[in-house]
C-alpha cells in the first residue's frame, strides 16, 4: 500500500514537470493588416501577416484557409527562432464561380506544428462584380456611452464612447457629433472591419453653470447620413463653494484685516465668518459691516453672516486701532509732566477773617493769614513776601506777637502800603504762617476782595521765581 502511494506521487510529479513548459509558453503573436481586400473574381486579395514566435522553442507555423478559395504565401513561416518575427504576404481568390457584389468573411487558421496549437481569424473580402456598379458594405455600427449622471461643473463632463463596426467595411470618414446643450463637439474617427474602439471625450464646464437637467445627443455620421445615435440626459448638480481668504497688515498701533469672501458655487449660499477677539480688542474694533458677538469653543468671537449669489464677492475691512488710546495716555503724561515741572515750587494761600465789629460809627478789625509752603525736596533761598494794604485800612502793628514773623519793611505809598517779609531760606517741604491785622477806617458793608500776595524766591539753579496767592473775599453786613 505504501509502495503504491509513493508510485502515485512520483507519477504526478513527473507529469507536472513534463508538461509545465508546454503550459508556460503555449502561445504566439499574430498581426494581420489588409493590403487589398476589394477585388474582382479573377483577382487576389492581399493581406500582410506577421508572426512572432513567443514560444519557448524553435517553431514552424502553417497558414490555411477555406478550400473553396485559392491561397498562398510569399514566404513560409519555417523554423522561427524564439522571439523571431517574420512578415509574409497572404494571397487569396475564389476557386470557382461564386456570387459577386457582396462581402465574405474568410476563415484563416494559423497553427504551430510542433506545439500543436492554433489560432483562428477572419479576413474581410469584398467581391466586386463586372456586371453591376461597385457597391460598398452598408455601415452597421453600435454606439454606447458611459458618464456620471450628476455632474459637478467644477470637474467638467467626462464622456466615454464605445464604438463597434459590425461588418467588414473599413470606415475612414466617420464624423462623431456630441451635443450636450451647454457643450458641443464634432470630430473625425475611423474604424477597421469589425473593430471595437473606446473614445474619451472631456468638456470643461462653466463652474457657475446653473443646476438642472440637460439632454445629451451623440451621432455617428458617414457621408451626411446618421448610422448610429443615442439620446440621453445628465444633471448639473448644486454646488455650494464659498471661499474665504484673509490678508493682515500692521501699522503703528493699528492692525488691519481684509477678509475676502467669494461664492464659487452655482447656487446662492450663506457663509458664517468668525474671528476671535477678547473684550479689550472689541472696544477698539471697527468694521465696515455689522457683526455680532458670540461664543465658539468657550472663546468670544465676532461673527459675520454673509449671503452671496454665484460669482458674487464681498470684502470685509476690519481694524483694531489703538492710536486714540495712545494719544489720550500721551496727553495725560504731558499734563502730569507739565504740572510737576512747570508748577511753582512755593504754594501761597491767603485767608481773611473778621475779628469783631464796633458800633455803626466804628471800624472793623480784620485778620489776614498767609500759608506758605515749599512743596519740593529742594531748599529755596532769598524768599521775599510782598503784600499791598489798601488806604482804607491800617496795618495794626503788634510788638509782642507770638509765632508770627514780623514785617521786614513797611513802605507807605499814595495808593497803598507795601509790606515785606524776608526769609533767608525755606527748607524742603517747610511750611510757614504769617499773620497780620488790619483795621478799617470806614464802615465796611457788603463784600470786600483783598489783593493777591506775591512771593519772590531763588530756586536751586539760582533762578529768581515769582508766584502769587489767591484773592480772598470777605463778606460784611451792616449791624442794626
Protein backbone atom coordinates (compact mmCIF):
# COMPACT_ATOMS: atom_id res chain seq x y z
CA UNK A 1 0.00 0.00 0.00
CA UNK A 2 2.82 2.34 0.86
CA UNK A 3 4.66 1.46 -2.38
CA UNK A 4 1.56 2.27 -4.47
CA UNK A 5 1.20 5.65 -2.79
CA UNK A 6 4.84 6.53 -3.50
CA UNK A 7 4.46 5.49 -7.14
CA UNK A 8 1.32 7.65 -7.47
CA UNK A 9 3.05 10.72 -6.03
CA UNK A 10 6.11 10.17 -8.25
CA UNK A 11 3.89 9.87 -11.34
CA UNK A 12 2.10 13.12 -10.53
CA UNK A 13 5.36 14.99 -10.03
CA UNK A 14 6.81 13.60 -13.25
CA UNK A 15 3.72 14.59 -15.19
CA UNK A 16 3.82 18.11 -13.68
CA UNK A 17 7.49 18.55 -14.61
CA UNK A 18 6.95 17.11 -18.07
CA UNK A 19 4.05 19.35 -19.06
CA UNK A 20 4.93 22.55 -17.25
CA UNK A 21 6.97 24.06 -20.16
CA UNK A 22 4.10 23.47 -22.55
CA UNK A 23 1.69 25.40 -20.34
CA UNK A 24 4.22 28.11 -19.53
CA UNK A 25 4.78 29.08 -23.18
CA UNK A 26 1.89 27.87 -25.38
CA UNK A 27 1.05 30.97 -27.42
CA UNK A 28 2.39 33.15 -30.21
CA UNK A 29 1.55 36.62 -31.58
CA UNK A 30 -0.15 37.28 -34.95
CA UNK A 31 -0.81 40.63 -36.68
CA UNK A 32 -2.95 40.84 -39.86
CA UNK A 33 -3.24 44.06 -41.93
CA UNK A 34 -5.31 44.32 -45.18
CA UNK A 35 -3.44 45.43 -48.32
CA UNK A 36 -6.21 44.97 -50.92
CA UNK A 37 -9.45 43.43 -49.76
CA UNK A 38 -11.82 44.67 -52.53
CA UNK A 39 -11.27 42.50 -55.66
CA UNK A 40 -12.88 41.18 -58.80
CA UNK A 41 -13.47 37.40 -59.02
CA UNK A 42 -10.25 36.85 -61.02
CA UNK A 43 -8.04 38.87 -58.67
CA UNK A 44 -6.19 38.03 -55.45
CA UNK A 45 -6.99 39.78 -52.20
CA UNK A 46 -3.79 40.62 -50.29
CA UNK A 47 -3.09 40.68 -46.54
CA UNK A 48 0.11 41.23 -44.58
CA UNK A 49 0.64 38.57 -41.87
CA UNK A 50 3.29 38.91 -39.16
CA UNK A 51 4.03 36.04 -36.77
CA UNK A 52 6.19 36.50 -33.68
CA UNK A 53 7.39 33.24 -32.07
CA UNK A 54 6.88 33.82 -28.36
CA UNK A 55 7.06 30.08 -27.59
CA UNK A 56 9.92 28.54 -25.66
CA UNK A 57 11.49 26.76 -28.65
CA UNK A 58 12.03 26.93 -32.41
CA UNK A 59 8.74 26.52 -34.27
CA UNK A 60 7.23 26.20 -37.79
CA UNK A 61 3.83 27.80 -38.48
CA UNK A 62 1.22 26.93 -41.10
CA UNK A 63 -1.39 29.24 -42.66
CA UNK A 64 -4.59 27.67 -44.05
CA UNK A 65 -7.99 28.91 -45.19
CA UNK A 66 -11.17 27.61 -46.82
CA UNK A 67 -10.76 25.04 -49.59
CA UNK A 68 -13.25 26.89 -51.83
CA UNK A 69 -10.70 29.69 -52.32
CA UNK A 70 -7.16 29.62 -53.70
CA UNK A 71 -4.47 30.96 -51.39
CA UNK A 72 -0.69 31.05 -50.96
CA UNK A 73 2.14 32.84 -49.13
CA UNK A 74 5.13 34.86 -50.34
CA UNK A 75 7.29 33.34 -47.64
CA UNK A 76 6.74 30.37 -45.37
CA UNK A 77 6.99 30.59 -41.60
CA UNK A 78 9.57 27.80 -41.16
CA UNK A 79 11.96 27.28 -38.23
CA UNK A 80 11.32 30.59 -36.43
CA UNK A 81 13.67 31.02 -33.50
CA UNK A 82 12.40 32.06 -30.08
CA UNK A 83 11.19 35.71 -30.27
CA UNK A 84 11.87 35.80 -34.02
CA UNK A 85 9.32 37.73 -36.09
CA UNK A 86 8.60 37.15 -39.81
CA UNK A 87 6.20 39.03 -42.13
CA UNK A 88 4.71 37.49 -45.30
CA UNK A 89 2.02 38.47 -47.80
CA UNK A 90 -1.01 36.18 -47.97
CA UNK A 91 -2.94 35.97 -51.30
CA UNK A 92 -6.47 34.59 -51.69
CA UNK A 93 -9.10 34.49 -54.51
CA UNK A 94 -12.22 32.46 -55.40
CA UNK A 95 -11.58 28.96 -56.77
CA UNK A 96 -14.80 28.75 -58.74
CA UNK A 97 -17.80 30.85 -59.62
CA UNK A 98 -19.35 32.40 -56.56
CA UNK A 99 -21.76 35.32 -56.20
CA UNK A 100 -20.11 38.71 -56.73
CA UNK A 101 -21.17 42.11 -55.45
CA UNK A 102 -21.07 41.05 -51.82
CA UNK A 103 -18.64 40.63 -48.94
CA UNK A 104 -17.16 37.47 -47.39
CA UNK A 105 -15.51 36.75 -44.08
CA UNK A 106 -12.96 34.06 -44.93
CA UNK A 107 -11.68 31.82 -42.11
CA UNK A 108 -7.93 31.78 -41.51
CA UNK A 109 -6.13 29.30 -39.26
CA UNK A 110 -2.52 29.74 -38.15
CA UNK A 111 -1.03 26.74 -36.35
CA UNK A 112 2.21 25.86 -34.54
CA UNK A 113 3.34 22.49 -35.93
CA UNK A 114 5.48 21.22 -33.05
CA UNK A 115 3.29 22.51 -30.21
CA UNK A 116 0.06 21.51 -31.89
CA UNK A 117 -1.71 24.81 -31.07
CA UNK A 118 -3.52 27.19 -33.41
CA UNK A 119 -5.35 30.50 -33.68
CA UNK A 120 -8.37 31.37 -35.84
CA UNK A 121 -9.07 34.67 -37.66
CA UNK A 122 -11.43 36.05 -40.33
CA UNK A 123 -10.39 38.02 -43.42
CA UNK A 124 -12.93 40.56 -44.77
CA UNK A 125 -13.04 40.38 -48.59
CA UNK A 126 -15.48 42.22 -50.87
CA UNK A 127 -16.00 40.54 -54.25
CA UNK A 128 -16.77 43.15 -56.89
CA UNK A 129 -18.90 42.38 -59.96
CA UNK A 130 -18.14 43.28 -63.59
CA UNK A 131 -21.85 43.37 -64.42
CA UNK A 132 -23.08 45.91 -61.79
CA UNK A 133 -21.76 49.13 -60.33
CA UNK A 134 -19.36 48.63 -57.44
CA UNK A 135 -21.03 48.95 -54.02
CA UNK A 136 -19.53 49.11 -50.55
CA UNK A 137 -20.88 47.49 -47.41
CA UNK A 138 -23.70 49.37 -45.71
CA UNK A 139 -22.22 50.58 -42.38
CA UNK A 140 -23.53 48.74 -39.36
CA UNK A 141 -22.46 50.39 -36.10
CA UNK A 142 -23.13 50.03 -32.39
CA UNK A 143 -22.79 53.02 -30.06
CA UNK A 144 -22.66 53.02 -26.24
CA UNK A 145 -21.89 55.76 -23.69
CA UNK A 146 -20.60 55.89 -20.12
CA UNK A 147 -20.69 59.03 -17.92
CA UNK A 148 -21.65 60.29 -14.46
CA UNK A 149 -25.24 61.49 -14.49
CA UNK A 150 -24.88 64.02 -11.63
CA UNK A 151 -22.13 66.34 -12.82
CA UNK A 152 -20.07 68.74 -10.72
CA UNK A 153 -19.42 71.73 -13.05
CA UNK A 154 -16.04 72.29 -11.41
CA UNK A 155 -14.90 68.83 -12.53
CA UNK A 156 -16.27 69.06 -16.09
CA UNK A 157 -18.19 66.47 -18.10
CA UNK A 158 -16.35 63.22 -18.88
CA UNK A 159 -17.90 61.08 -21.63
CA UNK A 160 -16.66 57.65 -22.73
CA UNK A 161 -17.99 56.35 -26.07
CA UNK A 162 -17.71 52.72 -27.18
CA UNK A 163 -17.97 52.17 -30.95
CA UNK A 164 -18.28 48.84 -32.77
CA UNK A 165 -18.05 48.14 -36.50
CA UNK A 166 -20.27 45.13 -37.09
CA UNK A 167 -19.15 44.24 -40.66
CA UNK A 168 -16.11 44.15 -42.94
CA UNK A 169 -16.34 47.78 -44.02
CA UNK A 170 -13.20 49.84 -43.40
CA UNK A 171 -14.65 53.15 -42.15
CA UNK A 172 -12.32 56.11 -42.70
CA UNK A 173 -14.65 59.12 -42.88
CA UNK A 174 -16.94 58.85 -39.86
CA UNK A 175 -17.95 62.05 -38.03
CA UNK A 176 -18.81 61.86 -34.32
CA UNK A 177 -21.14 64.62 -33.06
CA UNK A 178 -21.61 65.20 -29.32
CA UNK A 179 -24.27 67.77 -28.32
CA UNK A 180 -24.87 68.33 -24.60
CA UNK A 181 -26.81 71.64 -24.95
CA UNK A 182 -24.19 73.54 -22.90
CA UNK A 183 -21.29 71.98 -24.84
CA UNK A 184 -20.78 70.77 -28.40
CA UNK A 185 -18.05 68.93 -30.32
CA UNK A 186 -17.50 67.35 -33.75
CA UNK A 187 -14.52 65.18 -34.66
CA UNK A 188 -13.48 62.51 -37.16
CA UNK A 189 -12.88 58.86 -36.32
CA UNK A 190 -12.01 55.66 -38.18
CA UNK A 191 -13.00 52.03 -37.62
CA UNK A 192 -11.34 48.96 -39.05
CA UNK A 193 -13.51 45.99 -40.06
CA UNK A 194 -15.26 44.54 -37.01
CA UNK A 195 -13.21 46.80 -34.76
CA UNK A 196 -14.33 47.92 -31.33
CA UNK A 197 -12.98 51.23 -30.05
CA UNK A 198 -13.34 53.35 -26.89
CA UNK A 199 -13.13 57.14 -27.14
CA UNK A 200 -12.78 59.51 -24.17
CA UNK A 201 -14.28 62.97 -24.70
CA UNK A 202 -13.91 65.61 -21.95
CA UNK A 203 -15.62 69.00 -21.71
CA UNK A 204 -14.78 71.94 -19.44
CA UNK A 205 -17.90 73.50 -17.91
CA UNK A 206 -18.62 76.91 -16.50
CA UNK A 207 -18.20 76.47 -12.72
CA UNK A 208 -21.15 78.84 -12.24
CA UNK A 209 -23.46 76.83 -14.52
CA UNK A 210 -26.96 76.77 -13.05
CA UNK A 211 -28.09 73.37 -11.75
CA UNK A 212 -30.62 71.49 -13.84
CA UNK A 213 -31.29 68.69 -16.34
CA UNK A 214 -29.79 68.77 -19.87
CA UNK A 215 -30.13 66.44 -22.90
CA UNK A 216 -27.16 64.54 -24.37
CA UNK A 217 -27.21 63.58 -28.06
CA UNK A 218 -24.46 61.57 -29.79
CA UNK A 219 -24.46 60.74 -33.51
CA UNK A 220 -22.22 58.73 -35.85
CA UNK A 221 -22.44 60.24 -39.33
CA UNK A 222 -20.97 58.84 -42.56
CA UNK A 223 -21.44 60.77 -45.82
CA UNK A 224 -24.03 63.07 -44.19
CA UNK A 225 -26.12 60.11 -43.04
CA UNK A 226 -26.60 59.06 -39.42
CA UNK A 227 -25.94 55.35 -38.88
CA UNK A 228 -25.99 55.26 -35.05
CA UNK A 229 -27.21 57.67 -32.36
CA UNK A 230 -28.25 57.86 -28.75
CA UNK A 231 -30.30 60.38 -26.75
CA UNK A 232 -29.79 60.53 -23.01
CA UNK A 233 -29.61 63.18 -20.27
CA UNK A 234 -27.42 64.36 -17.41
CA UNK A 235 -27.89 66.66 -14.42
CA UNK A 236 -25.77 69.64 -13.29
CA UNK A 237 -25.89 69.30 -9.53
CA UNK A 238 -25.99 72.07 -6.91
CA UNK A 239 -22.56 73.11 -5.68
CA UNK A 240 -22.05 75.34 -2.65
CA UNK A 241 -18.46 76.60 -2.69
CA UNK A 242 -17.84 79.80 -0.71
CA UNK A 243 -14.12 80.58 -0.40
CA UNK A 244 -12.77 82.84 2.36
CA UNK A 245 -9.30 84.41 2.33
CA UNK A 246 -7.75 86.89 4.75
CA UNK A 247 -5.00 89.47 4.46
CA UNK A 248 -3.43 91.03 7.55
CA UNK A 249 -1.28 94.17 7.75
CA UNK A 250 0.20 96.09 10.65
CA UNK A 251 0.74 99.81 11.08
CA UNK A 252 1.72 101.92 14.07
CA UNK A 253 -0.69 100.89 16.85
CA UNK A 254 -3.18 99.61 14.27
CA UNK A 255 -3.89 96.17 12.77
CA UNK A 256 -5.89 95.90 9.54
CA UNK A 257 -7.72 92.80 8.29
CA UNK A 258 -9.22 92.38 4.81
CA UNK A 259 -11.50 89.31 4.63
CA UNK A 260 -12.42 88.40 1.06
CA UNK A 261 -15.47 86.17 0.53
CA UNK A 262 -16.38 84.86 -2.95
CA UNK A 263 -19.08 82.39 -4.00
CA UNK A 264 -17.54 79.96 -6.49
CA UNK A 265 -20.62 77.73 -6.44
CA UNK A 266 -23.63 77.73 -8.76
CA UNK A 267 -26.31 78.48 -6.11
CA UNK A 268 -26.91 81.27 -3.62
CA UNK A 269 -25.05 80.32 -0.43
CA UNK A 270 -24.69 81.54 3.15
CA UNK A 271 -21.34 81.61 4.95
CA UNK A 272 -20.53 82.30 8.60
CA UNK A 273 -17.20 84.04 9.29
CA UNK A 274 -15.74 84.19 12.79
CA UNK A 275 -12.76 85.99 14.27
CA UNK A 276 -11.59 85.52 17.85
CA UNK A 277 -11.48 88.82 19.78
CA UNK A 278 -11.34 89.41 23.54
CA UNK A 279 -13.26 92.25 25.23
CA UNK A 280 -10.31 94.67 25.11
CA UNK A 281 -9.84 94.13 21.37
CA UNK A 282 -13.58 94.53 20.78
CA UNK A 283 -13.50 98.00 22.42
CA UNK A 284 -11.13 99.22 19.72
CA UNK A 285 -12.62 97.11 16.87
CA UNK A 286 -14.03 98.88 13.82
CA UNK A 287 -15.60 97.11 10.80
CA UNK A 288 -17.40 98.29 7.66
CA UNK A 289 -20.02 95.53 8.10
CA UNK A 290 -22.24 94.84 11.08
CA UNK A 291 -21.23 91.92 13.27
CA UNK A 292 -22.46 90.11 16.35
CA UNK A 293 -20.56 88.84 19.38
CA UNK A 294 -20.92 85.15 20.18
CA UNK A 295 -19.00 82.27 21.71
CA UNK A 296 -17.12 79.44 19.99
CA UNK A 297 -15.33 76.69 21.92
CA UNK A 298 -15.67 78.77 25.07
CA UNK A 299 -13.97 81.81 23.49
CA UNK A 300 -15.52 85.12 22.48
CA UNK A 301 -15.69 85.74 18.73
CA UNK A 302 -17.08 88.42 16.44
CA UNK A 303 -19.23 86.88 13.72
CA UNK A 304 -20.43 87.91 10.27
CA UNK A 305 -23.11 86.04 8.30
CA UNK A 306 -22.97 86.76 4.56
CA UNK A 307 -25.22 85.54 1.77
CA UNK A 308 -23.83 85.61 -1.78
CA UNK A 309 -25.12 84.85 -5.26
CA UNK A 310 -22.95 82.83 -7.68
CA UNK A 311 -19.87 84.88 -8.74
CA UNK A 312 -20.65 87.48 -6.05
CA UNK A 313 -17.71 88.74 -4.00
CA UNK A 314 -17.56 90.68 -0.73
CA UNK A 315 -14.66 92.25 1.18
CA UNK A 316 -14.98 92.98 4.91
CA UNK A 317 -12.49 95.52 6.28
CA UNK A 318 -11.68 95.32 10.00
CA UNK A 319 -9.26 97.31 12.13
CA UNK A 320 -8.04 97.34 15.72
CA UNK A 321 -6.96 100.96 16.27
CA UNK A 322 -5.15 101.87 19.49
CA UNK A 323 -3.97 105.29 18.32
CA UNK A 324 -6.71 107.21 20.17
CA UNK A 325 -5.85 105.42 23.42
CA UNK A 326 -2.18 106.18 22.85
CA UNK A 327 -2.96 109.87 22.24
CA UNK A 328 -5.04 110.09 25.44
CA UNK A 329 -2.30 108.46 27.52
CA UNK A 330 0.31 110.72 25.94
CA UNK A 331 -1.72 113.86 26.75
CA UNK A 332 -2.14 112.70 30.34
CA UNK A 333 1.59 112.10 30.66
CA UNK A 334 2.35 115.53 29.19
CA UNK A 335 -0.10 117.22 31.57
CA UNK A 336 1.41 115.42 34.57
CA UNK A 337 4.89 116.32 33.38
CA UNK A 338 3.98 119.96 32.88
CA UNK A 339 2.19 120.07 36.20
CA UNK A 340 5.17 118.79 38.15
CA UNK A 341 7.80 120.64 36.15
CA UNK A 342 6.15 123.99 35.49
CA UNK A 343 4.25 124.50 38.74
CA UNK A 344 5.68 126.86 41.31
CA UNK A 345 7.89 125.38 43.98
CA UNK A 346 6.11 127.55 46.59
CA UNK A 347 2.41 127.40 47.43
CA UNK A 348 0.75 130.51 48.94
CA UNK A 349 -2.79 130.61 50.32
CA UNK A 350 -4.37 133.77 51.74
CA UNK A 351 -7.26 133.88 54.20
CA UNK A 352 -9.13 136.86 55.69
CA UNK A 353 -11.39 136.80 58.76
CA UNK A 354 -13.27 139.47 60.83
CA UNK A 355 -12.10 139.76 64.41
CA UNK A 356 -15.00 141.91 65.77
CA UNK A 357 -17.31 144.82 64.87
CA UNK A 358 -17.85 148.10 66.73
CA UNK A 359 -20.81 150.43 66.62
CA UNK A 360 -22.17 151.86 63.40
CA UNK A 361 -19.72 154.77 63.57
CA UNK A 362 -16.78 152.43 64.46
CA UNK A 363 -14.43 150.38 62.22
CA UNK A 364 -13.95 146.63 61.95
CA UNK A 365 -10.73 144.76 62.57
CA UNK A 366 -9.69 142.08 60.07
CA UNK A 367 -7.12 139.31 60.38
CA UNK A 368 -5.09 138.17 57.38
CA UNK A 369 -3.32 134.80 57.44
CA UNK A 370 -0.76 133.67 54.83
CA UNK A 371 0.08 129.95 54.48
CA UNK A 372 3.44 129.46 52.75
CA UNK A 373 4.86 126.03 51.86
CA UNK A 374 7.90 124.70 49.95
CA UNK A 375 6.42 121.64 48.22
CA UNK A 376 9.65 120.43 46.70
CA UNK A 377 12.54 118.41 48.05
CA UNK A 378 14.88 121.33 47.31
CA UNK A 379 15.97 124.18 49.53
CA UNK A 380 14.80 127.65 48.41
CA UNK A 381 16.72 130.87 49.19
CA UNK A 382 16.06 134.61 49.49
CA UNK A 383 12.33 134.30 49.95
CA UNK A 384 10.50 137.63 49.89
CA UNK A 385 6.79 138.05 50.70
CA UNK A 386 5.07 141.21 49.42
CA UNK A 387 1.65 142.36 50.50
CA UNK A 388 -0.27 145.50 49.44
CA UNK A 389 -2.56 147.09 52.04
CA UNK A 390 -5.33 149.40 50.87
CA UNK A 391 -5.52 153.05 52.07
CA UNK A 392 -8.93 152.23 53.54
CA UNK A 393 -7.26 150.07 56.16
CA UNK A 394 -4.33 150.45 58.52
CA UNK A 395 -1.78 147.80 59.39
CA UNK A 396 -2.00 147.00 63.07
CA UNK A 397 1.50 146.69 64.46
CA UNK A 398 1.83 144.27 67.34
CA UNK A 399 5.06 144.32 69.29
CA UNK A 400 4.51 141.10 71.13
CA UNK A 401 3.07 138.65 68.55
CA UNK A 402 4.00 135.09 69.33
CA UNK A 403 4.72 132.67 66.43
CA UNK A 404 4.28 135.21 63.64
CA UNK A 405 7.05 136.74 61.60
CA UNK A 406 7.31 140.49 61.88
CA UNK A 407 7.47 142.54 58.65
CA UNK A 408 10.93 143.38 57.34
CA UNK A 409 9.74 146.61 55.69
CA UNK A 410 6.58 148.69 55.65
CA UNK A 411 6.53 151.25 52.82
CA UNK A 412 3.58 153.66 52.69
CA UNK A 413 2.63 154.97 49.30
CA UNK A 414 -0.08 157.27 47.94
CA UNK A 415 -2.45 154.50 46.94
CA UNK A 416 -1.40 151.59 49.14
CA UNK A 417 1.02 150.44 51.77
CA UNK A 418 3.63 147.83 50.79
CA UNK A 419 4.52 145.31 53.48
CA UNK A 420 7.54 142.96 53.03
CA UNK A 421 8.67 139.86 54.88
CA UNK A 422 12.07 138.33 54.12
CA UNK A 423 13.07 134.73 54.76
CA UNK A 424 16.65 133.61 54.34
CA UNK A 425 15.53 130.20 53.05
CA UNK A 426 12.76 127.59 53.05
CA UNK A 427 13.76 124.06 53.84
CA UNK A 428 12.35 121.16 51.72
CA UNK A 429 8.61 120.78 52.46
CA UNK A 430 8.83 123.52 55.12
CA UNK A 431 5.64 125.43 55.98
CA UNK A 432 5.43 129.00 57.30
CA UNK A 433 2.44 131.01 58.51
CA UNK A 434 2.42 134.81 58.50
CA UNK A 435 -0.42 136.70 60.14
CA UNK A 436 -1.20 140.38 60.43
CA UNK A 437 -4.21 142.53 61.29
CA UNK A 438 -5.93 145.38 59.51
CA UNK A 439 -8.29 147.96 60.91
CA UNK A 440 -10.76 149.58 58.53
CA UNK A 441 -11.13 153.40 58.58
CA UNK A 442 -14.66 153.37 57.18
CA UNK A 443 -17.73 151.34 57.84
CA UNK A 444 -17.49 148.29 55.57
CA UNK A 445 -20.66 146.81 54.15
CA UNK A 446 -21.05 144.11 51.52
CA UNK A 447 -18.15 142.13 50.08
CA UNK A 448 -14.50 143.08 50.15
CA UNK A 449 -11.86 141.37 47.98
CA UNK A 450 -8.22 141.51 49.02
CA UNK A 451 -5.33 141.70 46.56
CA UNK A 452 -3.01 138.79 45.68
CA UNK A 453 0.10 138.23 47.83
CA UNK A 454 3.31 137.99 45.79
CA UNK A 455 6.31 135.83 46.74
CA UNK A 456 9.76 136.01 45.11
CA UNK A 457 12.43 133.38 45.73
CA UNK A 458 15.58 131.88 44.28
CA UNK A 459 15.50 128.18 43.36
CA UNK A 460 18.33 125.65 43.45
CA UNK A 461 19.55 126.72 39.99
CA UNK A 462 19.82 130.36 41.12
CA UNK A 463 16.85 131.44 39.06
CA UNK A 464 14.57 134.08 40.58
CA UNK A 465 10.97 132.87 40.52
CA UNK A 466 7.69 134.54 41.34
CA UNK A 467 4.35 133.21 42.44
CA UNK A 468 1.11 134.59 43.88
CA UNK A 469 -1.69 133.66 46.19
CA UNK A 470 -5.43 133.61 45.78
CA UNK A 471 -7.64 136.70 46.16
CA UNK A 472 -9.80 136.06 49.26
CA UNK A 473 -13.24 137.71 49.53
CA UNK A 474 -14.74 138.81 52.85
CA UNK A 475 -18.50 139.31 53.21
CA UNK A 476 -19.53 142.10 55.61
CA UNK A 477 -23.11 143.00 56.66
CA UNK A 478 -24.46 146.17 58.31
CA UNK A 479 -25.15 145.85 62.05
CA UNK A 480 -28.66 147.02 63.04
